[in-house]
Amino acid sequence: MTLRLKRVDLAAVANDQYVGSLQIGLKSPTLNMVEKLAYVMQVHPLTLLVLTYGGSSDDDATEKLLVQVHSQILALKDFNHQSDFSDSRVPENET
């Protein structure tokens, strides 16, 4: 998949100065802005987050991050299935 995207294409959701400040790390986008940018770029918002945390030029680091995230998602799902937050551990006067 090759994206042919220019900064001007992002003008629908953010001005050029804001996009530039994101690119050089002066600003951090809100999740809402990540969604808007991803929509314009025609990618999933998680793709932008993975590239931010995993690095855009190191395929090995990106792959390791994806494996780590997948493992953690499975662990959290397992934790949620094993936990029962409606049991008697919560005192009645605090419910």
PDB file of N, CA and C in Angstrom:
ATOM      1  N   MET A   1       0.839  -1.173   0.000  1.00  0.00           N
ATOM      2  CA  MET A   1       0.000   0.000   0.000  1.00  0.00           C
ATOM      3  C   MET A   1       0.889   1.241   0.000  1.00  0.00           C
ATOM      4  N   THR A   2       0.703   2.080  -0.970  1.00  0.00           N
ATOM      5  CA  THR A   2       1.454   3.318  -1.060  1.00  0.00           C
ATOM      6  C   THR A   2       0.499   4.493  -0.972  1.00  0.00           C
ATOM      7  N   LEU A   3       0.805   5.408  -0.074  1.00  0.00           N
ATOM      8  CA  LEU A   3      -0.021   6.599   0.077  1.00  0.00           C
ATOM      9  C   LEU A   3       0.633   7.764  -0.644  1.00  0.00           C
ATOM     10  N   ARG A   4      -0.134   8.432  -1.449  1.00  0.00           N
ATOM     11  CA  ARG A   4       0.327   9.655  -2.101  1.00  0.00           C
ATOM     12  C   ARG A   4      -0.383  10.813  -1.409  1.00  0.00           C
ATOM     13  N   LEU A   5       0.209  11.282  -0.339  1.00  0.00           N
ATOM     14  CA  LEU A   5      -0.437  12.281   0.492  1.00  0.00           C
ATOM     15  C   LEU A   5       0.482  13.480   0.661  1.00  0.00           C
ATOM     16  N   LYS A   6      -0.092  14.644   0.553  1.00  0.00           N
ATOM     17  CA  LYS A   6       0.647  15.884   0.772  1.00  0.00           C
ATOM     18  C   LYS A   6       0.061  16.572   1.998  1.00  0.00           C
ATOM     19  N   ARG A   7       0.842  17.446   2.595  1.00  0.00           N
ATOM     20  CA  ARG A   7       0.344  18.171   3.771  1.00  0.00           C
ATOM     21  C   ARG A   7      -0.914  18.955   3.440  1.00  0.00           C
ATOM     22  N   VAL A   8      -1.014  19.394   2.195  1.00  0.00           N
ATOM     23  CA  VAL A   8      -2.209  20.147   1.807  1.00  0.00           C
ATOM     24  C   VAL A   8      -3.465  19.275   1.908  1.00  0.00           C
ATOM     25  N   ASP A   9      -3.311  17.961   1.747  1.00  0.00           N
ATOM     26  CA  ASP A   9      -4.443  17.042   1.867  1.00  0.00           C
ATOM     27  C   ASP A   9      -4.991  17.013   3.293  1.00  0.00           C
ATOM     28  N   LEU A  10      -4.139  17.302   4.247  1.00  0.00           N
ATOM     29  CA  LEU A  10      -4.553  17.294   5.643  1.00  0.00           C
ATOM     30  C   LEU A  10      -5.251  18.591   6.045  1.00  0.00           C
ATOM     31  N   ALA A  11      -5.263  19.570   5.148  1.00  0.00           N
ATOM     32  CA  ALA A  11      -5.852  20.873   5.446  1.00  0.00           C
ATOM     33  C   ALA A  11      -7.334  20.778   5.795  1.00  0.00           C
ATOM     34  N   ALA A  12      -7.979  19.701   5.392  1.00  0.00           N
ATOM     35  CA  ALA A  12      -9.397  19.530   5.708  1.00  0.00           C
ATOM     36  C   ALA A  12      -9.618  19.356   7.209  1.00  0.00           C
ATOM     37  N   VAL A  13      -8.595  18.895   7.933  1.00  0.00           N
ATOM     38  CA  VAL A  13      -8.755  18.654   9.369  1.00  0.00           C
ATOM     39  C   VAL A  13      -7.785  19.438  10.240  1.00  0.00           C
ATOM     40  N   ALA A  14      -6.702  19.957   9.666  1.00  0.00           N
ATOM     41  CA  ALA A  14      -5.713  20.683  10.470  1.00  0.00           C
ATOM     42  C   ALA A  14      -4.953  21.663   9.587  1.00  0.00           C
ATOM     43  N   ASN A  15      -4.595  22.809  10.164  1.00  0.00           N
ATOM     44  CA  ASN A  15      -3.841  23.780   9.369  1.00  0.00           C
ATOM     45  C   ASN A  15      -2.394  23.333   9.221  1.00  0.00           C
ATOM     46  N   ASP A  16      -1.701  23.918   8.250  1.00  0.00           N
ATOM     47  CA  ASP A  16      -0.343  23.512   7.899  1.00  0.00           C
ATOM     48  C   ASP A  16       0.627  23.683   9.064  1.00  0.00           C
ATOM     49  N   GLN A  17       0.468  24.756   9.835  1.00  0.00           N
ATOM     50  CA  GLN A  17       1.353  25.000  10.973  1.00  0.00           C
ATOM     51  C   GLN A  17       1.196  23.901  12.027  1.00  0.00           C
ATOM     52  N   TYR A  18      -0.046  23.484  12.284  1.00  0.00           N
ATOM     53  CA  TYR A  18      -0.304  22.427  13.258  1.00  0.00           C
ATOM     54  C   TYR A  18       0.308  21.103  12.783  1.00  0.00           C
ATOM     55  N   VAL A  19       0.103  20.765  11.517  1.00  0.00           N
ATOM     56  CA  VAL A  19       0.667  19.525  10.975  1.00  0.00           C
ATOM     57  C   VAL A  19       2.187  19.548  11.076  1.00  0.00           C
ATOM     58  N   GLY A  20       2.782  20.684  10.760  1.00  0.00           N
ATOM     59  CA  GLY A  20       4.235  20.806  10.868  1.00  0.00           C
ATOM     60  C   GLY A  20       4.720  20.619  12.292  1.00  0.00           C
ATOM     61  N   SER A  21       3.986  21.189  13.250  1.00  0.00           N
ATOM     62  CA  SER A  21       4.388  21.038  14.650  1.00  0.00           C
ATOM     63  C   SER A  21       4.220  19.599  15.134  1.00  0.00           C
ATOM     64  N   LEU A  22       3.276  18.863  14.554  1.00  0.00           N
ATOM     65  CA  LEU A  22       3.150  17.437  14.868  1.00  0.00           C
ATOM     66  C   LEU A  22       4.345  16.670  14.315  1.00  0.00           C
ATOM     67  N   GLN A  23       4.715  17.002  13.083  1.00  0.00           N
ATOM     68  CA  GLN A  23       5.804  16.275  12.426  1.00  0.00           C
ATOM     69  C   GLN A  23       7.139  16.421  13.145  1.00  0.00           C
ATOM     70  N   ILE A  24       7.381  17.573  13.748  1.00  0.00           N
ATOM     71  CA  ILE A  24       8.665  17.768  14.429  1.00  0.00           C
ATOM     72  C   ILE A  24       8.566  17.562  15.937  1.00  0.00           C
ATOM     73  N   GLY A  25       7.402  17.150  16.407  1.00  0.00           N
ATOM     74  CA  GLY A  25       7.243  16.787  17.804  1.00  0.00           C
ATOM     75  C   GLY A  25       6.997  17.927  18.778  1.00  0.00           C
ATOM     76  N   LEU A  26       6.625  19.078  18.275  1.00  0.00           N
ATOM     77  CA  LEU A  26       6.325  20.197  19.165  1.00  0.00           C
ATOM     78  C   LEU A  26       4.952  20.070  19.802  1.00  0.00           C
ATOM     79  N   LYS A  27       4.062  19.378  19.140  1.00  0.00           N
ATOM     80  CA  LYS A  27       2.704  19.185  19.653  1.00  0.00           C
ATOM     81  C   LYS A  27       2.363  17.709  19.605  1.00  0.00           C
ATOM     82  N   SER A  28       1.387  17.346  20.432  1.00  0.00           N
ATOM     83  CA  SER A  28       0.856  15.986  20.442  1.00  0.00           C
ATOM     84  C   SER A  28      -0.635  16.069  20.131  1.00  0.00           C
ATOM     85  N   PRO A  29      -1.110  15.257  19.188  1.00  0.00           N
ATOM     86  CA  PRO A  29      -2.531  15.337  18.827  1.00  0.00           C
ATOM     87  C   PRO A  29      -3.416  14.655  19.864  1.00  0.00           C
ATOM     88  N   THR A  30      -4.636  15.125  19.965  1.00  0.00           N
ATOM     89  CA  THR A  30      -5.629  14.426  20.773  1.00  0.00           C
ATOM     90  C   THR A  30      -6.034  13.159  20.027  1.00  0.00           C
ATOM     91  N   LEU A  31      -6.696  12.260  20.716  1.00  0.00           N
ATOM     92  CA  LEU A  31      -7.183  11.054  20.031  1.00  0.00           C
ATOM     93  C   LEU A  31      -8.189  11.422  18.943  1.00  0.00           C
ATOM     94  N   ASN A  32      -8.985  12.444  19.198  1.00  0.00           N
ATOM     95  CA  ASN A  32      -9.939  12.908  18.203  1.00  0.00           C
ATOM     96  C   ASN A  32      -9.209  13.362  16.935  1.00  0.00           C
ATOM     97  N   MET A  33      -8.110  14.096  17.098  1.00  0.00           N
ATOM     98  CA  MET A  33      -7.340  14.552  15.940  1.00  0.00           C
ATOM     99  C   MET A  33      -6.668  13.378  15.238  1.00  0.00           C
ATOM    100  N   VAL A  34      -6.189  12.396  15.995  1.00  0.00           N
ATOM    101  CA  VAL A  34      -5.599  11.197  15.382  1.00  0.00           C
ATOM    102  C   VAL A  34      -6.637  10.527  14.485  1.00  0.00           C
ATOM    103  N   GLU A  35      -7.868  10.431  14.964  1.00  0.00           N
ATOM    104  CA  GLU A  35      -8.931   9.836  14.158  1.00  0.00           C
ATOM    105  C   GLU A  35      -9.173  10.633  12.879  1.00  0.00           C
ATOM    106  N   LYS A  36      -9.199  11.951  12.993  1.00  0.00           N
ATOM    107  CA  LYS A  36      -9.424  12.792  11.813  1.00  0.00           C
ATOM    108  C   LYS A  36      -8.289  12.669  10.808  1.00  0.00           C
ATOM    109  N   LEU A  37      -7.053  12.702  11.294  1.00  0.00           N
ATOM    110  CA  LEU A  37      -5.904  12.568  10.402  1.00  0.00           C
ATOM    111  C   LEU A  37      -5.895  11.198   9.732  1.00  0.00           C
ATOM    112  N   ALA A  38      -6.186  10.168  10.505  1.00  0.00           N
ATOM    113  CA  ALA A  38      -6.220   8.815   9.947  1.00  0.00           C
ATOM    114  C   ALA A  38      -7.290   8.691   8.868  1.00  0.00           C
ATOM    115  N   TYR A  39      -8.440   9.308   9.102  1.00  0.00           N
ATOM    116  CA  TYR A  39      -9.519   9.263   8.112  1.00  0.00           C
ATOM    117  C   TYR A  39      -9.054   9.886   6.789  1.00  0.00           C
ATOM    118  N   VAL A  40      -8.433  11.046   6.878  1.00  0.00           N
ATOM    119  CA  VAL A  40      -7.955  11.716   5.670  1.00  0.00           C
ATOM    120  C   VAL A  40      -6.863  10.893   4.995  1.00  0.00           C
ATOM    121  N   MET A  41      -6.023  10.254   5.803  1.00  0.00           N
ATOM    122  CA  MET A  41      -4.927   9.457   5.256  1.00  0.00           C
ATOM    123  C   MET A  41      -5.377   8.068   4.807  1.00  0.00           C
ATOM    124  N   GLN A  42      -6.616   7.727   5.110  1.00  0.00           N
ATOM    125  CA  GLN A  42      -7.213   6.437   4.771  1.00  0.00           C
ATOM    126  C   GLN A  42      -6.448   5.271   5.406  1.00  0.00           C
ATOM    127  N   VAL A  43      -6.126   5.458   6.697  1.00  0.00           N
ATOM    128  CA  VAL A  43      -5.502   4.398   7.488  1.00  0.00           C
ATOM    129  C   VAL A  43      -6.255   4.291   8.806  1.00  0.00           C
ATOM    130  N   HIS A  44      -6.065   3.214   9.510  1.00  0.00           N
ATOM    131  CA  HIS A  44      -6.671   3.046  10.827  1.00  0.00           C
ATOM    132  C   HIS A  44      -5.913   3.931  11.818  1.00  0.00           C
ATOM    133  N   PRO A  45      -6.602   4.550  12.779  1.00  0.00           N
ATOM    134  CA  PRO A  45      -5.909   5.384  13.765  1.00  0.00           C
ATOM    135  C   PRO A  45      -4.781   4.658  14.495  1.00  0.00           C
ATOM    136  N   LEU A  46      -4.946   3.365  14.738  1.00  0.00           N
ATOM    137  CA  LEU A  46      -3.881   2.612  15.410  1.00  0.00           C
ATOM    138  C   LEU A  46      -2.605   2.565  14.577  1.00  0.00           C
ATOM    139  N   THR A  47      -2.731   2.646  13.275  1.00  0.00           N
ATOM    140  CA  THR A  47      -1.553   2.661  12.411  1.00  0.00           C
ATOM    141  C   THR A  47      -0.679   3.860  12.747  1.00  0.00           C
ATOM    142  N   LEU A  48      -1.302   5.015  12.946  1.00  0.00           N
ATOM    143  CA  LEU A  48      -0.540   6.217  13.288  1.00  0.00           C
ATOM    144  C   LEU A  48       0.107   6.081  14.657  1.00  0.00           C
ATOM    145  N   LEU A  49      -0.612   5.478  15.601  1.00  0.00           N
ATOM    146  CA  LEU A  49      -0.048   5.291  16.936  1.00  0.00           C
ATOM    147  C   LEU A  49       1.111   4.294  16.923  1.00  0.00           C
ATOM    148  N   VAL A  50       0.981   3.229  16.163  1.00  0.00           N
ATOM    149  CA  VAL A  50       2.058   2.243  16.058  1.00  0.00           C
ATOM    150  C   VAL A  50       3.299   2.888  15.455  1.00  0.00           C
ATOM    151  N   LEU A  51       3.108   3.682  14.418  1.00  0.00           N
ATOM    152  CA  LEU A  51       4.252   4.352  13.816  1.00  0.00           C
ATOM    153  C   LEU A  51       4.883   5.354  14.778  1.00  0.00           C
ATOM    154  N   THR A  52       4.078   5.959  15.633  1.00  0.00           N
ATOM    155  CA  THR A  52       4.599   6.904  16.612  1.00  0.00           C
ATOM    156  C   THR A  52       5.435   6.192  17.668  1.00  0.00           C
ATOM    157  N   TYR A  53       4.921   5.088  18.185  1.00  0.00           N
ATOM    158  CA  TYR A  53       5.612   4.382  19.253  1.00  0.00           C
ATOM    159  C   TYR A  53       6.632   3.370  18.757  1.00  0.00           C
ATOM    160  N   GLY A  54       6.410   2.833  17.574  1.00  0.00           N
ATOM    161  CA  GLY A  54       7.291   1.784  17.068  1.00  0.00           C
ATOM    162  C   GLY A  54       8.343   2.263  16.106  1.00  0.00           C
ATOM    163  N   GLY A  55       8.248   3.500  15.687  1.00  0.00           N
ATOM    164  CA  GLY A  55       9.213   4.009  14.725  1.00  0.00           C
ATOM    165  C   GLY A  55       8.785   3.687  13.311  1.00  0.00           C
ATOM    166  N   SER A  56       8.932   4.635  12.432  1.00  0.00           N
ATOM    167  CA  SER A  56       8.463   4.446  11.057  1.00  0.00           C
ATOM    168  C   SER A  56       9.513   3.840  10.147  1.00  0.00           C
ATOM    169  N   SER A  57      10.784   3.797  10.580  1.00  0.00           N
ATOM    170  CA  SER A  57      11.822   3.298   9.677  1.00  0.00           C
ATOM    171  C   SER A  57      12.394   1.950  10.096  1.00  0.00           C
ATOM    172  N   ASP A  58      12.056   1.483  11.269  1.00  0.00           N
ATOM    173  CA  ASP A  58      12.608   0.231  11.776  1.00  0.00           C
ATOM    174  C   ASP A  58      11.519  -0.836  11.811  1.00  0.00           C
ATOM    175  N   ASP A  59      11.497  -1.679  10.781  1.00  0.00           N
ATOM    176  CA  ASP A  59      10.464  -2.715  10.686  1.00  0.00           C
ATOM    177  C   ASP A  59      10.513  -3.682  11.862  1.00  0.00           C
ATOM    178  N   ASP A  60      11.719  -3.997  12.351  1.00  0.00           N
ATOM    179  CA  ASP A  60      11.842  -4.924  13.481  1.00  0.00           C
ATOM    180  C   ASP A  60      11.215  -4.339  14.744  1.00  0.00           C
ATOM    181  N   ALA A  61      11.452  -3.058  14.992  1.00  0.00           N
ATOM    182  CA  ALA A  61      10.876  -2.421  16.189  1.00  0.00           C
ATOM    183  C   ALA A  61       9.359  -2.374  16.082  1.00  0.00           C
ATOM    184  N   THR A  62       8.862  -2.097  14.902  1.00  0.00           N
ATOM    185  CA  THR A  62       7.414  -2.058  14.691  1.00  0.00           C
ATOM    186  C   THR A  62       6.810  -3.437  14.908  1.00  0.00           C
ATOM    187  N   GLU A  63       7.450  -4.453  14.372  1.00  0.00           N
ATOM    188  CA  GLU A  63       6.953  -5.825  14.535  1.00  0.00           C
ATOM    189  C   GLU A  63       6.978  -6.244  16.002  1.00  0.00           C
ATOM    190  N   LYS A  64       8.041  -5.910  16.715  1.00  0.00           N
ATOM    191  CA  LYS A  64       8.128  -6.241  18.138  1.00  0.00           C
ATOM    192  C   LYS A  64       7.026  -5.538  18.926  1.00  0.00           C
ATOM    193  N   LEU A  65       6.772  -4.287  18.585  1.00  0.00           N
ATOM    194  CA  LEU A  65       5.705  -3.555  19.267  1.00  0.00           C
ATOM    195  C   LEU A  65       4.354  -4.209  19.016  1.00  0.00           C
ATOM    196  N   LEU A  66       4.086  -4.601  17.783  1.00  0.00           N
ATOM    197  CA  LEU A  66       2.811  -5.239  17.462  1.00  0.00           C
ATOM    198  C   LEU A  66       2.649  -6.563  18.209  1.00  0.00           C
ATOM    199  N   VAL A  67       3.712  -7.332  18.311  1.00  0.00           N
ATOM    200  CA  VAL A  67       3.669  -8.595  19.061  1.00  0.00           C
ATOM    201  C   VAL A  67       3.406  -8.311  20.535  1.00  0.00           C
ATOM    202  N   GLN A  68       4.080  -7.296  21.092  1.00  0.00           N
ATOM    203  CA  GLN A  68       3.886  -6.935  22.498  1.00  0.00           C
ATOM    204  C   GLN A  68       2.448  -6.500  22.748  1.00  0.00           C
ATOM    205  N   VAL A  69       1.919  -5.647  21.886  1.00  0.00           N
ATOM    206  CA  VAL A  69       0.553  -5.158  22.051  1.00  0.00           C
ATOM    207  C   VAL A  69      -0.440  -6.309  21.957  1.00  0.00           C
ATOM    208  N   HIS A  70      -0.245  -7.197  21.004  1.00  0.00           N
ATOM    209  CA  HIS A  70      -1.143  -8.342  20.850  1.00  0.00           C
ATOM    210  C   HIS A  70      -1.138  -9.202  22.105  1.00  0.00           C
ATOM    211  N   SER A  71       0.038  -9.455  22.634  1.00  0.00           N
ATOM    212  CA  SER A  71       0.161 -10.254  23.854  1.00  0.00           C
ATOM    213  C   SER A  71      -0.542  -9.576  25.026  1.00  0.00           C
ATOM    214  N   GLN A  72      -0.375  -8.272  25.146  1.00  0.00           N
ATOM    215  CA  GLN A  72      -1.003  -7.539  26.243  1.00  0.00           C
ATOM    216  C   GLN A  72      -2.519  -7.489  26.100  1.00  0.00           C
ATOM    217  N   ILE A  73      -3.002  -7.384  24.884  1.00  0.00           N
ATOM    218  CA  ILE A  73      -4.455  -7.408  24.654  1.00  0.00           C
ATOM    219  C   ILE A  73      -5.032  -8.745  25.090  1.00  0.00           C
ATOM    220  N   LEU A  74      -4.361  -9.827  24.719  1.00  0.00           N
ATOM    221  CA  LEU A  74      -4.829 -11.152  25.125  1.00  0.00           C
ATOM    222  C   LEU A  74      -4.819 -11.294  26.649  1.00  0.00           C
ATOM    223  N   ALA A  75      -3.770 -10.780  27.296  1.00  0.00           N
ATOM    224  CA  ALA A  75      -3.682 -10.862  28.755  1.00  0.00           C
ATOM    225  C   ALA A  75      -4.804 -10.052  29.412  1.00  0.00           C
ATOM    226  N   LEU A  76      -5.092  -8.874  28.876  1.00  0.00           N
ATOM    227  CA  LEU A  76      -6.171  -8.055  29.435  1.00  0.00           C
ATOM    228  C   LEU A  76      -7.530  -8.698  29.228  1.00  0.00           C
ATOM    229  N   LYS A  77      -7.728  -9.316  28.063  1.00  0.00           N
ATOM    230  CA  LYS A  77      -8.991 -10.020  27.823  1.00  0.00           C
ATOM    231  C   LYS A  77      -9.146 -11.159  28.814  1.00  0.00           C
ATOM    232  N   ASP A  78      -8.058 -11.895  29.037  1.00  0.00           N
ATOM    233  CA  ASP A  78      -8.090 -13.004  29.989  1.00  0.00           C
ATOM    234  C   ASP A  78      -8.364 -12.488  31.394  1.00  0.00           C
ATOM    235  N   PHE A  79      -7.739 -11.382  31.766  1.00  0.00           N
ATOM    236  CA  PHE A  79      -7.966 -10.782  33.074  1.00  0.00           C
ATOM    237  C   PHE A  79      -9.424 -10.370  33.238  1.00  0.00           C
ATOM    238  N   ASN A  80      -9.995  -9.744  32.223  1.00  0.00           N
ATOM    239  CA  ASN A  80     -11.393  -9.308  32.292  1.00  0.00           C
ATOM    240  C   ASN A  80     -12.349 -10.480  32.417  1.00  0.00           C
ATOM    241  N   HIS A  81     -12.025 -11.598  31.781  1.00  0.00           N
ATOM    242  CA  HIS A  81     -12.897 -12.779  31.869  1.00  0.00           C
ATOM    243  C   HIS A  81     -12.787 -13.455  33.238  1.00  0.00           C
ATOM    244  N   GLN A  82     -11.623 -13.344  33.862  1.00  0.00           N
ATOM    245  CA  GLN A  82     -11.424 -13.994  35.156  1.00  0.00           C
ATOM    246  C   GLN A  82     -11.899 -13.134  36.317  1.00  0.00           C
ATOM    247  N   SER A  83     -11.996 -11.844  36.121  1.00  0.00           N
ATOM    248  CA  SER A  83     -12.364 -10.932  37.212  1.00  0.00           C
ATOM    249  C   SER A  83     -13.865 -10.780  37.308  1.00  0.00           C
ATOM    250  N   ASP A  84     -14.336 -10.719  38.549  1.00  0.00           N
ATOM    251  CA  ASP A  84     -15.747 -10.450  38.802  1.00  0.00           C
ATOM    252  C   ASP A  84     -15.810  -9.265  39.747  1.00  0.00           C
ATOM    253  N   PHE A  85     -16.116  -8.113  39.201  1.00  0.00           N
ATOM    254  CA  PHE A  85     -16.124  -6.900  40.005  1.00  0.00           C
ATOM    255  C   PHE A  85     -17.436  -6.703  40.752  1.00  0.00           C
ATOM    256  N   SER A  86     -18.355  -7.613  40.604  1.00  0.00           N
ATOM    257  CA  SER A  86     -19.639  -7.475  41.295  1.00  0.00           C
ATOM    258  C   SER A  86     -19.706  -8.366  42.529  1.00  0.00           C
ATOM    259  N   ASP A  87     -18.561  -8.856  43.000  1.00  0.00           N
ATOM    260  CA  ASP A  87     -18.594  -9.744  44.158  1.00  0.00           C
ATOM    261  C   ASP A  87     -18.627  -8.953  45.465  1.00  0.00           C
ATOM    262  N   SER A  88     -18.481  -9.644  46.566  1.00  0.00           N
ATOM    263  CA  SER A  88     -18.664  -9.033  47.878  1.00  0.00           C
ATOM    264  C   SER A  88     -17.432  -8.304  48.397  1.00  0.00           C
ATOM    265  N   ARG A  89     -16.397  -8.126  47.585  1.00  0.00           N
ATOM    266  CA  ARG A  89     -15.209  -7.413  48.049  1.00  0.00           C
ATOM    267  C   ARG A  89     -15.483  -5.923  48.263  1.00  0.00           C
ATOM    268  N   VAL A  90     -16.511  -5.396  47.641  1.00  0.00           N
ATOM    269  CA  VAL A  90     -16.847  -3.982  47.788  1.00  0.00           C
ATOM    270  C   VAL A  90     -17.829  -3.850  48.950  1.00  0.00           C
ATOM    271  N   PRO A  91     -17.487  -3.044  49.962  1.00  0.00           N
ATOM    272  CA  PRO A  91     -18.420  -2.868  51.094  1.00  0.00           C
ATOM    273  C   PRO A  91     -19.752  -2.301  50.615  1.00  0.00           C
ATOM    274  N   GLU A  92     -20.831  -2.751  51.230  1.00  0.00           N
ATOM    275  CA  GLU A  92     -22.174  -2.358  50.808  1.00  0.00           C
ATOM    276  C   GLU A  92     -22.396  -0.856  50.891  1.00  0.00           C
ATOM    277  N   ASN A  93     -21.835  -0.186  51.879  1.00  0.00           N
ATOM    278  CA  ASN A  93     -22.087   1.251  52.011  1.00  0.00           C
ATOM    279  C   ASN A  93     -21.350   2.088  50.955  1.00  0.00           C
ATOM    280  N   GLU A  94     -20.495   1.498  50.163  1.00  0.00           N
ATOM    281  CA  GLU A  94     -19.773   2.212  49.108  1.00  0.00           C
ATOM    282  C   GLU A  94     -20.339   1.925  47.729  1.00  0.00           C
ATOM    283  N   THR A  95     -21.402   1.151  47.634  1.00  0.00           N
ATOM    284  CA  THR A  95     -21.963   0.842  46.319  1.00  0.00           C
ATOM    285  C   THR A  95     -23.060   1.796  45.961  1.00  0.00           C
TER     286      THR A  95
END
